[in-house]
């Protein structure tokens, strides 16, 4: 399963990837908005948006891409490890 994480803490990006790997998920982490953001999203199975640390422009880009590609979006207020684990337990096998 492929997972994209949008927002979050800069220093936690490697930890986010480790957690996703433990749930047998491939992960991409976008802490800040890169150029040509929507095309870099690709076609993931799930997008986790940390709304507390995500810009409105990134959130709108994710929503537009989701309308075109039909993937799941899970909005999480905090960018904590436990919040990410609870989302992954819901969607992925451990």
N, C-alpha and C. Protein backbone atom coordinates (compact mmCIF):
# COMPACT_ATOMS: atom_id res chain seq x y z
N UNK A 1 0.84 -1.17 0.00
CA UNK A 1 0.00 0.00 0.00
C UNK A 1 0.89 1.23 0.00
N UNK A 2 0.53 2.21 -0.79
CA UNK A 2 1.31 3.44 -0.85
C UNK A 2 0.58 4.54 -0.07
N UNK A 3 1.34 5.24 0.75
CA UNK A 3 0.81 6.28 1.62
C UNK A 3 1.61 7.55 1.40
N UNK A 4 0.91 8.67 1.32
CA UNK A 4 1.58 9.97 1.24
C UNK A 4 1.19 10.77 2.47
N UNK A 5 2.19 11.33 3.11
CA UNK A 5 1.97 12.17 4.29
C UNK A 5 2.20 13.61 3.91
N UNK A 6 1.23 14.46 4.19
CA UNK A 6 1.31 15.87 3.83
C UNK A 6 1.30 16.68 5.12
N UNK A 7 2.32 17.51 5.28
CA UNK A 7 2.46 18.29 6.49
C UNK A 7 3.31 17.53 7.50
N UNK A 8 3.24 17.92 8.73
CA UNK A 8 4.01 17.24 9.77
C UNK A 8 5.22 18.03 10.19
N UNK A 9 6.00 17.42 11.07
CA UNK A 9 7.20 18.05 11.59
C UNK A 9 8.41 17.67 10.74
N UNK A 10 9.25 18.63 10.46
CA UNK A 10 10.39 18.43 9.57
C UNK A 10 11.35 17.35 10.10
N UNK A 11 11.61 17.37 11.36
CA UNK A 11 12.56 16.42 11.94
C UNK A 11 11.98 15.02 12.11
N UNK A 12 10.67 14.88 11.93
CA UNK A 12 10.02 13.59 12.11
C UNK A 12 9.83 12.82 10.80
N UNK A 13 10.26 13.37 9.68
CA UNK A 13 9.98 12.74 8.40
C UNK A 13 10.56 11.33 8.29
N UNK A 14 11.77 11.11 8.78
CA UNK A 14 12.34 9.76 8.73
C UNK A 14 11.60 8.82 9.67
N UNK A 15 11.14 9.32 10.79
CA UNK A 15 10.35 8.51 11.73
C UNK A 15 9.01 8.13 11.12
N UNK A 16 8.37 9.07 10.40
CA UNK A 16 7.12 8.77 9.72
C UNK A 16 7.31 7.63 8.72
N UNK A 17 8.42 7.67 7.96
CA UNK A 17 8.69 6.62 6.98
C UNK A 17 8.91 5.27 7.66
N UNK A 18 9.61 5.27 8.80
CA UNK A 18 9.84 4.03 9.53
C UNK A 18 8.54 3.42 10.01
N UNK A 19 7.64 4.25 10.50
CA UNK A 19 6.35 3.77 10.99
C UNK A 19 5.55 3.18 9.84
N UNK A 20 5.52 3.85 8.72
CA UNK A 20 4.79 3.33 7.57
C UNK A 20 5.39 2.02 7.09
N UNK A 21 6.70 1.91 7.12
CA UNK A 21 7.37 0.68 6.72
C UNK A 21 7.00 -0.48 7.65
N UNK A 22 6.82 -0.19 8.93
CA UNK A 22 6.44 -1.25 9.87
C UNK A 22 5.02 -1.76 9.61
N UNK A 23 4.20 -0.97 8.91
CA UNK A 23 2.85 -1.38 8.53
C UNK A 23 2.81 -1.85 7.07
N UNK A 24 3.97 -2.18 6.51
CA UNK A 24 4.09 -2.64 5.12
C UNK A 24 3.53 -1.64 4.12
N UNK A 25 3.84 -0.37 4.32
CA UNK A 25 3.39 0.69 3.42
C UNK A 25 4.60 1.44 2.89
N UNK A 26 4.53 1.81 1.62
CA UNK A 26 5.53 2.71 1.05
C UNK A 26 5.07 4.13 1.35
N UNK A 27 5.98 4.98 1.74
CA UNK A 27 5.59 6.33 2.16
C UNK A 27 6.40 7.40 1.45
N UNK A 28 5.70 8.46 1.10
CA UNK A 28 6.32 9.71 0.67
C UNK A 28 5.89 10.76 1.68
N UNK A 29 6.81 11.63 2.04
CA UNK A 29 6.51 12.67 3.02
C UNK A 29 6.76 14.04 2.37
N UNK A 30 5.74 14.87 2.41
CA UNK A 30 5.85 16.24 1.91
C UNK A 30 5.61 17.19 3.09
N UNK A 31 6.68 17.68 3.69
CA UNK A 31 6.57 18.60 4.81
C UNK A 31 6.23 20.00 4.28
N UNK A 32 6.95 20.41 3.26
CA UNK A 32 6.72 21.71 2.63
C UNK A 32 6.28 21.48 1.19
N UNK A 33 5.63 22.46 0.62
CA UNK A 33 5.09 22.32 -0.72
C UNK A 33 6.19 22.45 -1.77
N UNK A 34 6.44 21.37 -2.53
CA UNK A 34 7.42 21.45 -3.61
C UNK A 34 6.78 22.05 -4.87
N UNK A 35 7.60 22.36 -5.84
CA UNK A 35 7.05 22.81 -7.11
C UNK A 35 6.37 21.65 -7.80
N UNK A 36 5.29 21.92 -8.49
CA UNK A 36 4.51 20.92 -9.21
C UNK A 36 4.04 19.81 -8.26
N UNK A 37 3.45 20.24 -7.16
CA UNK A 37 3.06 19.35 -6.06
C UNK A 37 2.08 18.26 -6.50
N UNK A 38 1.05 18.64 -7.25
CA UNK A 38 0.01 17.67 -7.61
C UNK A 38 0.56 16.54 -8.46
N UNK A 39 1.48 16.81 -9.35
CA UNK A 39 2.03 15.73 -10.18
C UNK A 39 2.95 14.81 -9.37
N UNK A 40 3.55 15.33 -8.31
CA UNK A 40 4.43 14.51 -7.47
C UNK A 40 3.64 13.57 -6.56
N UNK A 41 2.35 13.84 -6.38
CA UNK A 41 1.54 12.96 -5.54
C UNK A 41 1.36 11.59 -6.17
N UNK A 42 1.22 11.53 -7.47
CA UNK A 42 1.02 10.25 -8.13
C UNK A 42 -0.36 9.70 -7.85
N UNK A 43 -0.48 8.37 -7.72
CA UNK A 43 -1.75 7.70 -7.44
C UNK A 43 -1.62 6.83 -6.20
N UNK A 44 -1.61 7.44 -5.02
CA UNK A 44 -1.46 6.64 -3.80
C UNK A 44 -2.76 5.96 -3.40
N UNK A 45 -2.67 5.05 -2.46
CA UNK A 45 -3.86 4.41 -1.90
C UNK A 45 -4.47 5.28 -0.81
N UNK A 46 -3.63 6.00 -0.09
CA UNK A 46 -4.08 6.81 1.04
C UNK A 46 -3.21 8.05 1.17
N UNK A 47 -3.83 9.16 1.49
CA UNK A 47 -3.10 10.40 1.81
C UNK A 47 -3.49 10.82 3.22
N UNK A 48 -2.50 10.97 4.08
CA UNK A 48 -2.72 11.44 5.44
C UNK A 48 -2.27 12.90 5.49
N UNK A 49 -3.21 13.77 5.86
CA UNK A 49 -2.93 15.20 5.92
C UNK A 49 -2.90 15.62 7.39
N UNK A 50 -1.77 16.11 7.83
CA UNK A 50 -1.64 16.66 9.17
C UNK A 50 -2.09 18.12 9.10
N UNK A 51 -3.33 18.38 9.42
CA UNK A 51 -3.93 19.69 9.18
C UNK A 51 -3.35 20.79 10.06
N UNK A 52 -2.78 20.45 11.19
CA UNK A 52 -2.21 21.45 12.08
C UNK A 52 -0.97 22.11 11.47
N UNK A 53 -0.23 21.35 10.66
CA UNK A 53 1.04 21.86 10.13
C UNK A 53 1.08 21.84 8.61
N UNK A 54 -0.07 21.98 7.98
CA UNK A 54 -0.16 21.93 6.53
C UNK A 54 -0.76 23.24 6.02
N UNK A 55 -0.23 23.74 4.92
CA UNK A 55 -0.76 24.98 4.36
C UNK A 55 -2.07 24.71 3.62
N UNK A 56 -2.87 25.75 3.48
CA UNK A 56 -4.14 25.62 2.76
C UNK A 56 -3.90 25.28 1.30
N UNK A 57 -2.83 25.80 0.75
CA UNK A 57 -2.52 25.53 -0.64
C UNK A 57 -2.21 24.05 -0.86
N UNK A 58 -1.48 23.44 0.06
CA UNK A 58 -1.20 22.00 -0.04
C UNK A 58 -2.47 21.19 0.11
N UNK A 59 -3.31 21.56 1.05
CA UNK A 59 -4.57 20.85 1.27
C UNK A 59 -5.47 20.93 0.05
N UNK A 60 -5.55 22.10 -0.56
CA UNK A 60 -6.35 22.26 -1.77
C UNK A 60 -5.79 21.43 -2.92
N UNK A 61 -4.48 21.34 -3.03
CA UNK A 61 -3.85 20.52 -4.06
C UNK A 61 -4.17 19.05 -3.89
N UNK A 62 -4.16 18.59 -2.65
CA UNK A 62 -4.49 17.19 -2.36
C UNK A 62 -5.95 16.91 -2.71
N UNK A 63 -6.83 17.82 -2.36
CA UNK A 63 -8.25 17.63 -2.65
C UNK A 63 -8.52 17.61 -4.15
N UNK A 64 -7.87 18.48 -4.91
CA UNK A 64 -8.06 18.50 -6.36
C UNK A 64 -7.56 17.21 -6.99
N UNK A 65 -6.41 16.72 -6.53
CA UNK A 65 -5.87 15.47 -7.06
C UNK A 65 -6.75 14.29 -6.68
N UNK A 66 -7.32 14.32 -5.48
CA UNK A 66 -8.20 13.24 -5.04
C UNK A 66 -9.47 13.18 -5.87
N UNK A 67 -9.98 14.33 -6.29
CA UNK A 67 -11.17 14.35 -7.14
C UNK A 67 -10.88 13.71 -8.49
N UNK A 68 -9.66 13.86 -8.99
CA UNK A 68 -9.29 13.29 -10.28
C UNK A 68 -8.94 11.81 -10.17
N UNK A 69 -8.26 11.42 -9.10
CA UNK A 69 -7.69 10.08 -8.99
C UNK A 69 -8.43 9.14 -8.05
N UNK A 70 -9.37 9.63 -7.29
CA UNK A 70 -10.17 8.81 -6.36
C UNK A 70 -9.32 8.02 -5.37
N UNK A 71 -8.63 8.70 -4.49
CA UNK A 71 -7.93 8.03 -3.39
C UNK A 71 -8.46 8.57 -2.07
N UNK A 72 -8.19 7.83 -1.01
CA UNK A 72 -8.67 8.17 0.33
C UNK A 72 -7.82 9.30 0.91
N UNK A 73 -8.50 10.23 1.58
CA UNK A 73 -7.82 11.28 2.34
C UNK A 73 -8.24 11.15 3.79
N UNK A 74 -7.26 11.11 4.66
CA UNK A 74 -7.52 11.07 6.10
C UNK A 74 -6.92 12.32 6.72
N UNK A 75 -7.75 13.16 7.30
CA UNK A 75 -7.29 14.38 7.95
C UNK A 75 -7.06 14.12 9.43
N UNK A 76 -5.87 14.46 9.88
CA UNK A 76 -5.48 14.29 11.28
C UNK A 76 -5.01 15.65 11.79
N UNK A 77 -5.50 16.05 12.94
CA UNK A 77 -5.16 17.39 13.43
C UNK A 77 -3.71 17.48 13.89
N UNK A 78 -3.23 16.51 14.63
CA UNK A 78 -1.87 16.58 15.15
C UNK A 78 -0.92 15.76 14.28
N UNK A 79 0.34 16.11 14.31
CA UNK A 79 1.35 15.42 13.52
C UNK A 79 2.16 14.47 14.42
N UNK A 80 1.49 13.80 15.34
CA UNK A 80 2.19 12.94 16.29
C UNK A 80 2.31 11.52 15.74
N UNK A 81 3.19 10.77 16.37
CA UNK A 81 3.41 9.38 16.00
C UNK A 81 2.15 8.55 16.29
N UNK A 82 1.53 8.78 17.42
CA UNK A 82 0.34 8.01 17.78
C UNK A 82 -0.83 8.29 16.84
N UNK A 83 -0.95 9.53 16.35
CA UNK A 83 -2.00 9.85 15.39
C UNK A 83 -1.77 9.12 14.07
N UNK A 84 -0.53 9.08 13.62
CA UNK A 84 -0.21 8.36 12.39
C UNK A 84 -0.47 6.87 12.55
N UNK A 85 -0.06 6.30 13.69
CA UNK A 85 -0.29 4.87 13.93
C UNK A 85 -1.77 4.53 13.95
N UNK A 86 -2.59 5.39 14.52
CA UNK A 86 -4.03 5.10 14.57
C UNK A 86 -4.64 5.11 13.17
N UNK A 87 -4.17 5.98 12.30
CA UNK A 87 -4.66 6.00 10.91
C UNK A 87 -4.20 4.75 10.17
N UNK A 88 -2.94 4.38 10.34
CA UNK A 88 -2.41 3.21 9.65
C UNK A 88 -3.05 1.92 10.14
N UNK A 89 -3.39 1.84 11.42
CA UNK A 89 -4.09 0.66 11.93
C UNK A 89 -5.46 0.53 11.30
N UNK A 90 -6.05 1.63 10.96
CA UNK A 90 -7.37 1.65 10.36
C UNK A 90 -7.34 1.16 8.91
N UNK A 91 -6.28 1.51 8.17
CA UNK A 91 -6.22 1.24 6.74
C UNK A 91 -5.25 0.13 6.33
N UNK A 92 -4.24 -0.15 7.12
CA UNK A 92 -3.19 -1.09 6.71
C UNK A 92 -3.14 -2.29 7.64
N UNK A 93 -2.54 -3.34 7.13
CA UNK A 93 -2.30 -4.52 7.97
C UNK A 93 -0.99 -4.33 8.68
N UNK A 94 -0.92 -4.83 9.90
CA UNK A 94 0.32 -4.71 10.67
C UNK A 94 1.13 -5.97 10.54
